[in-house]
Amino acid sequence: MLNRPVWAEISIDRLIDNYRLLRSAAGDAGLIAVIKANAYGHGALACAAALSAAGAPWLGVTSAEEGASVREACPDARILVMAGLWEREADTAIEQRLTPVVWELAHLEWLEAAAQLRGLPAQAIAVHLEIDTGMARQGVRLTELPVLLERFRAAKSLSIEGVMTHFHSPEFLDDKATAAQLEQFDSAMEIIASHGFRPIVIHAGNSATLLAGEGAERLVALAEKHGASSMLRPGLALYGYAPRFTGELSSAVAEKLKPVLAWKTRIVSLRTIEPRESAGYCATFHARRRSRLALLPVGYADGFNRLLSNRGEVLVRGRKVPIVGRISMDLTIVDVTDVETVELGDEVVLIGEQGAEQITAYHHSDLAQTIPYETLCDINARVPRITVDSRKDHA
């Protein structure tokens, strides 16, 4: 039971529908369902359990700590630790049967040392090797790859199960950058093969790669060339949002995606102010008419972006109403003058649908000059996530 009337509803139905759409669109490629950063703010444990039950064989997390938490909910899933390892995480990765992404010599040394302490047999730990093909963030550069591969030979407990890279501009349709990165990835696979390694899976690309279509096809072709299977790593699209592309995207799949999260609160106070009276910190709003104001118990400490002050909107009784005054740490004021019969306790939608109207993470992101990834991830942990589920056909 909620005490403070601020919550986020997570539609398991929509999450699974989105996953099935993406799985079908991937064709011959498999999927790693990315649930890092608390499933992009949606609640990692509930989303992981639902996706795993729906048949997702792989889940992507940021750290060994995230992976260990997810392991409790998904005892049989393959869990990829996408941001590498730090020294003390190596033992956790082994204990929790996580699959770490590696690219530093130190990663191999930490894993090998932890494996030796546990007395593990040869090639007991499967890892995925990341290649830097132009992102200059994670991954081994091609010039340093041979040295790392020689170290792999000495690491008796490790095996290279997969090889991956990260595209830096998949949202640019008809862009040459991704094609150039795939060429670099192909070169890396040639070097890996020349050192006697035969990875069984390669993966690259996110939601944009999958929805754009051609990038996924090129990845599948590259995998087939090297005798491996392929996977893509959708994140944002799982949660109902297509990345925004530079260039015109025609995608029936993108059009069918549905937002999984609805963020809601209630009106906790009402008052009327006269013309020229102010509202909120620093009096940034002055009423031009006699106005009815509603107080919402949500603020920037909950992740409701302060840049929405005097700009954003929320839904009350199926109508969009403006935010007035500055959003404060725990409270927000909205103008409900034009909404009839507003009452204390009325439900208010910050993100989601009410009646025929909708406010998406895109709306907030555009006004705050950010991206929906950040808008969703910023919803604070003090906002409880409540799963809503109307169907039983998720398996």
Protein backbone atom coordinates (compact mmCIF):
# COMPACT_ATOMS: atom_id res chain seq x y z
CA MET A 1 0.00 0.00 0.00
CA LEU A 2 1.34 3.42 -0.96
CA ASN A 3 1.71 6.05 1.71
CA ARG A 4 3.08 8.88 -0.42
CA PRO A 5 0.97 9.24 -3.57
CA VAL A 6 3.73 9.11 -6.16
CA TRP A 7 4.31 5.92 -8.14
CA ALA A 8 5.25 4.43 -11.50
CA GLU A 9 3.20 1.69 -13.13
CA ILE A 10 5.13 -0.84 -15.21
CA SER A 11 3.08 -2.69 -17.82
CA ILE A 12 4.46 -6.20 -18.11
CA ASP A 13 2.07 -6.81 -20.99
CA ARG A 14 3.61 -3.98 -23.02
CA LEU A 15 7.15 -4.99 -22.12
CA ILE A 16 6.60 -8.51 -23.43
CA ASP A 17 4.77 -7.27 -26.53
CA ASN A 18 7.72 -4.97 -27.30
CA TYR A 19 10.19 -7.81 -26.75
CA ARG A 20 8.28 -10.11 -29.10
CA LEU A 21 8.13 -7.39 -31.76
CA LEU A 22 11.87 -6.86 -31.55
CA ARG A 23 12.65 -10.56 -31.48
CA SER A 24 10.64 -11.04 -34.67
CA ALA A 25 12.27 -8.02 -36.32
CA ALA A 26 15.75 -9.35 -35.49
CA GLY A 27 15.29 -12.22 -37.92
CA ASP A 28 18.30 -14.53 -37.76
CA ALA A 29 19.94 -12.53 -34.98
CA GLY A 30 19.33 -13.22 -31.32
CA LEU A 31 18.67 -10.57 -28.68
CA ILE A 32 20.33 -9.50 -25.47
CA ALA A 33 17.59 -7.73 -23.52
CA VAL A 34 19.35 -4.79 -21.87
CA ILE A 35 18.10 -4.17 -18.33
CA LYS A 36 20.99 -2.10 -17.01
CA ALA A 37 20.40 1.06 -14.96
CA ASN A 38 17.41 -0.51 -13.20
CA ALA A 39 15.94 -1.45 -16.59
CA TYR A 40 16.17 2.15 -17.77
CA GLY A 41 14.28 3.21 -14.67
CA HIS A 42 11.56 0.58 -15.00
CA GLY A 43 12.67 -1.80 -12.24
CA ALA A 44 15.30 -4.37 -13.19
CA LEU A 45 14.11 -7.34 -11.15
CA ALA A 46 10.51 -7.32 -12.36
CA CYS A 47 11.52 -6.63 -15.96
CA ALA A 48 14.24 -9.28 -15.90
CA ALA A 49 11.90 -11.93 -14.54
CA ALA A 50 9.23 -11.09 -17.13
CA LEU A 51 11.65 -11.06 -20.06
CA SER A 52 13.30 -14.29 -18.96
CA ALA A 53 9.91 -15.98 -18.61
CA ALA A 54 9.03 -14.76 -22.11
CA GLY A 55 12.05 -16.54 -23.53
CA ALA A 56 14.83 -13.95 -23.48
CA PRO A 57 18.00 -16.07 -23.12
CA TRP A 58 20.34 -13.14 -22.42
CA LEU A 59 20.04 -10.12 -20.12
CA GLY A 60 22.46 -7.18 -20.18
CA VAL A 61 23.50 -5.40 -16.97
CA THR A 62 26.11 -2.77 -16.12
CA SER A 63 28.00 -4.32 -13.24
CA ALA A 64 28.56 -7.53 -11.31
CA GLU A 65 26.49 -6.04 -8.50
CA GLU A 66 23.53 -5.55 -10.84
CA GLY A 67 24.08 -9.03 -12.23
CA ALA A 68 24.08 -10.63 -8.77
CA SER A 69 20.77 -8.95 -7.96
CA VAL A 70 19.22 -10.10 -11.23
CA ARG A 71 20.54 -13.63 -10.74
CA GLU A 72 18.19 -14.10 -7.77
CA ALA A 73 15.21 -13.32 -9.98
CA CYS A 74 16.50 -15.23 -13.02
CA PRO A 75 18.45 -18.31 -11.91
CA ASP A 76 18.80 -19.74 -15.43
CA ALA A 77 19.37 -16.63 -17.57
CA ARG A 78 22.67 -15.75 -19.22
CA ILE A 79 23.67 -12.39 -17.77
CA LEU A 80 26.19 -10.20 -19.59
CA VAL A 81 28.15 -7.65 -17.51
CA MET A 82 28.49 -4.97 -20.15
CA ALA A 83 30.71 -2.38 -18.46
CA GLY A 84 33.62 -4.65 -17.64
CA LEU A 85 34.93 -5.54 -14.20
CA TRP A 86 36.82 -4.04 -11.32
CA GLU A 87 39.09 -6.24 -9.22
CA ARG A 88 36.67 -7.18 -6.46
CA GLU A 89 33.91 -7.89 -8.97
CA ALA A 90 35.73 -10.83 -10.53
CA ASP A 91 34.86 -13.26 -7.76
CA THR A 92 31.22 -12.09 -7.77
CA ALA A 93 31.04 -12.67 -11.52
CA ILE A 94 32.28 -16.23 -11.10
CA GLU A 95 30.12 -16.99 -8.08
CA GLN A 96 26.96 -15.67 -9.74
CA ARG A 97 27.69 -17.30 -13.13
CA LEU A 98 27.84 -13.96 -14.90
CA THR A 99 29.46 -13.44 -18.30
CA PRO A 100 31.87 -10.50 -18.11
CA VAL A 101 32.83 -8.24 -20.98
CA VAL A 102 36.62 -7.84 -21.02
CA TRP A 103 39.20 -5.79 -22.90
CA GLU A 104 41.93 -4.93 -20.38
CA LEU A 105 44.82 -7.18 -19.39
CA ALA A 106 43.78 -6.51 -15.80
CA HIS A 107 40.33 -8.03 -16.44
CA LEU A 108 41.98 -11.31 -17.45
CA GLU A 109 44.34 -11.27 -14.49
CA TRP A 110 41.58 -10.65 -11.96
CA LEU A 111 39.37 -13.37 -13.38
CA GLU A 112 42.22 -15.84 -13.64
CA ALA A 113 43.27 -15.20 -10.04
CA ALA A 114 39.70 -15.64 -8.77
CA ALA A 115 39.33 -18.84 -10.81
CA GLN A 116 42.56 -20.28 -9.39
CA LEU A 117 41.46 -19.58 -5.82
CA ARG A 118 38.30 -21.55 -6.57
CA GLY A 119 40.21 -24.35 -8.27
CA LEU A 120 38.17 -24.09 -11.47
CA PRO A 121 38.99 -26.31 -14.45
CA ALA A 122 40.36 -25.12 -17.78
CA GLN A 123 38.16 -22.74 -19.79
CA ALA A 124 35.51 -22.70 -17.06
CA ILE A 125 34.80 -18.99 -17.40
CA ALA A 126 33.25 -17.74 -20.64
CA VAL A 127 33.91 -14.10 -21.43
CA HIS A 128 32.98 -11.71 -24.23
CA LEU A 129 35.81 -9.69 -25.70
CA GLU A 130 34.98 -6.10 -26.64
CA ILE A 131 36.66 -4.46 -29.64
CA ASP A 132 37.04 -0.68 -29.91
CA THR A 133 36.03 0.06 -33.49
CA GLY A 134 35.73 3.82 -33.08
CA MET A 135 33.81 4.58 -29.89
CA ALA A 136 37.07 5.11 -27.91
CA ARG A 137 35.27 4.21 -24.71
CA GLN A 138 35.43 0.50 -23.94
CA GLY A 139 37.18 -2.22 -25.90
CA VAL A 140 40.64 -3.19 -27.03
CA ARG A 141 42.08 -1.30 -30.00
CA LEU A 142 43.07 -3.37 -33.00
CA THR A 143 46.75 -2.48 -32.56
CA GLU A 144 46.67 -3.91 -29.02
CA LEU A 145 44.52 -6.94 -29.81
CA PRO A 146 47.35 -9.41 -30.55
CA VAL A 147 48.97 -8.78 -27.16
CA LEU A 148 45.66 -9.35 -25.39
CA LEU A 149 45.06 -12.56 -27.34
CA GLU A 150 48.46 -13.89 -26.31
CA ARG A 151 47.52 -13.22 -22.69
CA PHE A 152 44.35 -15.20 -23.28
CA ARG A 153 46.48 -18.20 -24.19
CA ALA A 154 48.07 -18.09 -20.75
CA ALA A 155 44.74 -17.63 -18.97
CA LYS A 156 43.83 -21.28 -18.69
CA SER A 157 40.49 -20.72 -16.95
CA LEU A 158 39.09 -18.35 -19.59
CA SER A 159 37.46 -18.94 -22.95
CA ILE A 160 36.38 -16.36 -25.54
CA GLU A 161 32.75 -17.24 -26.07
CA GLY A 162 31.75 -13.98 -27.76
CA VAL A 163 33.15 -10.85 -29.38
CA MET A 164 31.34 -7.51 -29.37
CA THR A 165 31.63 -3.88 -30.32
CA HIS A 166 29.57 -0.73 -29.85
CA PHE A 167 28.39 1.53 -32.69
CA HIS A 168 28.70 5.22 -31.92
CA SER A 169 26.16 6.61 -34.43
CA PRO A 170 23.52 3.98 -35.28
CA GLU A 171 20.79 6.66 -35.29
CA PHE A 172 22.27 8.23 -38.43
CA LEU A 173 20.52 6.55 -41.34
CA ASP A 174 22.71 5.99 -44.41
CA ASP A 175 25.71 6.96 -42.31
CA LYS A 176 29.15 5.66 -43.28
CA ALA A 177 30.39 5.49 -39.69
CA THR A 178 28.65 2.22 -38.83
CA ALA A 179 29.84 0.61 -42.06
CA ALA A 180 33.40 1.67 -41.20
CA GLN A 181 33.04 0.23 -37.71
CA LEU A 182 31.81 -3.06 -39.14
CA GLU A 183 34.92 -3.18 -41.32
CA GLN A 184 37.04 -2.70 -38.22
CA PHE A 185 35.05 -5.42 -36.46
CA ASP A 186 35.63 -7.76 -39.42
CA SER A 187 39.36 -7.08 -39.20
CA ALA A 188 39.31 -7.86 -35.50
CA MET A 189 37.57 -11.16 -36.15
CA GLU A 190 40.26 -12.03 -38.68
CA ILE A 191 42.98 -11.33 -36.11
CA ILE A 192 41.15 -13.40 -33.49
CA ALA A 193 40.84 -16.32 -35.91
CA SER A 194 44.52 -16.08 -36.86
CA HIS A 195 45.38 -16.61 -33.19
CA GLY A 196 43.36 -19.81 -33.08
CA PHE A 197 40.23 -18.57 -31.32
CA ARG A 198 36.75 -19.44 -32.61
CA PRO A 199 34.07 -17.36 -30.82
CA ILE A 200 30.57 -18.77 -31.21
CA VAL A 201 28.70 -15.47 -31.05
CA ILE A 202 29.27 -11.85 -32.02
CA HIS A 203 27.08 -8.92 -31.07
CA ALA A 204 26.82 -5.22 -31.76
CA GLY A 205 24.13 -2.58 -32.15
CA ASN A 206 21.28 -1.32 -30.02
CA SER A 207 17.64 -0.45 -30.58
CA ALA A 208 18.52 1.88 -33.45
CA THR A 209 20.49 -0.83 -35.24
CA LEU A 210 17.60 -3.23 -34.95
CA LEU A 211 14.91 -0.80 -36.06
CA ALA A 212 16.93 0.55 -38.97
CA GLY A 213 17.11 -2.96 -40.40
CA GLU A 214 20.17 -2.79 -42.63
CA GLY A 215 22.60 -2.68 -39.71
CA ALA A 216 21.16 -5.90 -38.32
CA GLU A 217 21.44 -7.62 -41.71
CA ARG A 218 25.10 -6.62 -42.06
CA LEU A 219 25.84 -7.94 -38.58
CA VAL A 220 24.21 -11.28 -39.40
CA ALA A 221 26.27 -11.53 -42.58
CA LEU A 222 29.47 -10.75 -40.68
CA ALA A 223 28.69 -13.43 -38.09
CA GLU A 224 28.01 -16.02 -40.78
CA LYS A 225 31.31 -15.18 -42.46
CA HIS A 226 33.14 -16.05 -39.26
CA GLY A 227 31.09 -19.12 -38.41
CA ALA A 228 29.32 -17.50 -35.46
CA SER A 229 25.78 -16.57 -34.52
CA SER A 230 24.81 -12.93 -34.05
CA MET A 231 22.98 -10.92 -31.42
CA LEU A 232 21.78 -7.35 -31.01
CA ARG A 233 21.35 -5.47 -27.74
CA PRO A 234 18.05 -3.51 -27.68
CA GLY A 235 17.43 -1.35 -24.65
CA LEU A 236 15.24 1.73 -25.12
CA ALA A 237 12.93 0.01 -27.62
CA LEU A 238 12.11 -2.70 -25.09
CA TYR A 239 10.55 0.00 -22.97
CA GLY A 240 8.48 1.42 -25.79
CA TYR A 241 10.55 4.20 -27.29
CA ALA A 242 12.23 4.20 -30.68
CA PRO A 243 15.48 6.19 -30.82
CA ARG A 244 15.26 9.33 -32.91
CA PHE A 245 16.99 9.04 -36.23
CA THR A 246 18.74 11.55 -38.44
CA GLY A 247 16.97 10.84 -41.68
CA GLU A 248 13.53 9.42 -42.36
CA LEU A 249 12.86 6.06 -40.74
CA SER A 250 10.06 3.88 -42.06
CA SER A 251 9.56 1.13 -39.50
CA ALA A 252 6.32 -0.68 -38.79
CA VAL A 253 8.00 -2.15 -35.71
CA ALA A 254 8.85 1.29 -34.28
CA GLU A 255 5.27 2.41 -34.79
CA LYS A 256 3.95 -0.55 -32.78
CA LEU A 257 6.15 -0.02 -29.73
CA LYS A 258 4.25 1.04 -26.62
CA PRO A 259 5.67 2.86 -23.58
CA VAL A 260 5.93 0.50 -20.63
CA LEU A 261 6.09 3.07 -17.82
CA ALA A 262 3.38 5.43 -16.56
CA TRP A 263 4.37 7.90 -13.84
CA LYS A 264 1.53 9.13 -11.63
CA THR A 265 0.71 11.18 -8.57
CA ARG A 266 -2.33 12.82 -6.93
CA ILE A 267 -3.48 16.32 -6.12
CA VAL A 268 -2.74 16.91 -2.43
CA SER A 269 -3.85 20.54 -2.11
CA LEU A 270 -5.93 23.12 -3.99
CA ARG A 271 -6.05 26.89 -3.75
CA THR A 272 -7.21 29.93 -5.69
CA ILE A 273 -4.99 32.94 -6.34
CA GLU A 274 -5.92 36.35 -7.69
CA PRO A 275 -4.52 38.14 -10.76
CA ARG A 276 -0.88 39.26 -10.37
CA GLU A 277 -0.30 36.95 -7.41
CA SER A 278 2.77 34.73 -7.71
CA ALA A 279 3.44 31.02 -7.19
CA GLY A 280 6.61 29.08 -6.43
CA TYR A 281 10.21 29.98 -5.65
CA CYS A 282 11.46 33.36 -6.89
CA ALA A 283 7.95 34.25 -8.12
CA THR A 284 8.64 33.13 -11.68
CA PHE A 285 4.90 32.74 -12.28
CA HIS A 286 2.30 35.48 -11.91
CA ALA A 287 -1.37 34.79 -12.51
CA ARG A 288 -2.97 36.72 -15.36
CA ARG A 289 -6.44 35.82 -14.13
CA ARG A 290 -8.09 34.33 -11.09
CA SER A 291 -6.49 30.89 -11.09
CA ARG A 292 -7.06 27.52 -9.48
CA LEU A 293 -3.77 25.85 -8.57
CA ALA A 294 -3.19 22.22 -7.65
CA LEU A 295 -0.23 20.96 -5.63
CA LEU A 296 1.50 17.71 -6.58
CA PRO A 297 3.79 15.87 -4.14
CA VAL A 298 6.55 15.30 -6.69
CA GLY A 299 9.69 17.26 -7.49
CA TYR A 300 13.19 17.14 -8.82
CA ALA A 301 14.27 14.80 -5.99
CA ASP A 302 11.95 12.27 -7.64
CA GLY A 303 13.52 12.92 -11.04
CA PHE A 304 10.89 15.40 -12.26
CA ASN A 305 13.23 17.66 -14.18
CA ARG A 306 13.46 21.24 -12.90
CA LEU A 307 13.81 22.45 -16.50
CA LEU A 308 10.10 21.67 -16.93
CA SER A 309 9.30 24.63 -14.68
CA ASN A 310 6.79 26.98 -16.35
CA ARG A 311 7.11 24.87 -19.52
CA GLY A 312 5.95 21.31 -19.01
CA GLU A 313 2.48 19.83 -18.73
CA VAL A 314 0.73 17.02 -16.86
CA LEU A 315 -2.62 15.31 -17.34
CA VAL A 316 -5.56 16.01 -15.04
CA ARG A 317 -8.98 14.53 -15.79
CA GLY A 318 -7.87 13.77 -19.34
CA ARG A 319 -6.62 17.28 -20.11
CA LYS A 320 -3.16 18.76 -20.39
CA VAL A 321 -2.53 21.44 -17.78
CA PRO A 322 0.58 23.61 -17.43
CA ILE A 323 3.23 23.47 -14.73
CA VAL A 324 3.44 26.90 -13.13
CA GLY A 325 6.28 28.25 -11.06
CA ARG A 326 9.51 26.45 -10.37
CA ILE A 327 9.49 22.74 -9.69
CA SER A 328 10.93 22.35 -6.21
CA MET A 329 12.64 19.42 -4.53
CA ASP A 330 9.45 17.62 -3.50
CA LEU A 331 6.56 19.66 -4.88
CA THR A 332 5.14 20.92 -8.17
CA ILE A 333 2.29 23.36 -8.86
CA VAL A 334 -0.01 23.05 -11.87
CA ASP A 335 -2.76 25.35 -13.13
CA VAL A 336 -6.12 23.53 -13.27
CA THR A 337 -8.29 26.61 -13.84
CA ASP A 338 -9.67 25.24 -17.13
CA VAL A 339 -10.49 21.78 -15.77
CA GLU A 340 -13.94 21.40 -14.28
CA THR A 341 -14.63 19.81 -10.89
CA VAL A 342 -11.04 19.13 -9.87
CA GLU A 343 -10.88 17.56 -6.43
CA LEU A 344 -8.36 16.64 -3.78
CA GLY A 345 -6.99 13.19 -4.56
CA ASP A 346 -7.51 13.33 -8.32
CA GLU A 347 -5.00 11.19 -10.21
CA VAL A 348 -2.41 13.12 -12.19
CA VAL A 349 -0.30 11.62 -14.98
CA LEU A 350 3.24 12.92 -15.41
CA ILE A 351 4.17 10.36 -18.09
CA GLY A 352 1.53 8.15 -19.63
CA GLU A 353 -2.03 8.26 -20.88
CA GLN A 354 -5.25 9.62 -19.46
CA GLY A 355 -8.38 9.63 -21.57
CA ALA A 356 -7.46 10.53 -25.13
CA GLU A 357 -4.35 12.48 -24.13
CA GLN A 358 -0.78 11.26 -23.72
CA ILE A 359 2.49 12.65 -22.38
CA THR A 360 5.59 10.63 -23.20
CA ALA A 361 9.19 10.74 -22.03
CA TYR A 362 9.88 12.46 -25.34
CA HIS A 363 7.76 15.45 -24.28
CA HIS A 364 9.76 15.97 -21.10
CA SER A 365 13.05 15.28 -22.84
CA ASP A 366 12.45 17.84 -25.57
CA LEU A 367 11.63 20.56 -23.07
CA ALA A 368 14.62 19.67 -20.88
CA GLN A 369 16.90 19.40 -23.93
CA THR A 370 17.87 15.85 -23.12
CA ILE A 371 17.03 12.32 -24.29
CA PRO A 372 14.35 9.87 -23.13
CA TYR A 373 17.04 7.54 -21.76
CA GLU A 374 17.92 10.16 -19.16
CA THR A 375 14.33 11.14 -18.45
CA LEU A 376 13.40 7.54 -17.64
CA CYS A 377 16.59 6.68 -15.76
CA ASP A 378 16.27 9.81 -13.63
CA ILE A 379 13.04 8.63 -11.96
CA ASN A 380 14.33 8.19 -8.44
CA ALA A 381 14.32 4.95 -6.47
CA ARG A 382 12.00 6.57 -3.91
CA VAL A 383 9.27 6.38 -6.56
CA PRO A 384 7.90 2.82 -6.14
CA ARG A 385 7.48 0.74 -9.29
CA ILE A 386 4.23 -1.22 -9.40
CA THR A 387 3.84 -3.92 -12.03
CA VAL A 388 0.49 -4.16 -13.77
CA ASP A 389 -0.25 -7.35 -15.64
CA SER A 390 -3.53 -8.40 -17.20
CA ARG A 391 -2.50 -11.44 -19.23
CA LYS A 392 -1.10 -14.87 -18.49
CA ASP A 393 0.37 -15.74 -21.89
CA HIS A 394 3.86 -14.44 -21.37
CA ALA A 395 5.63 -17.79 -21.39
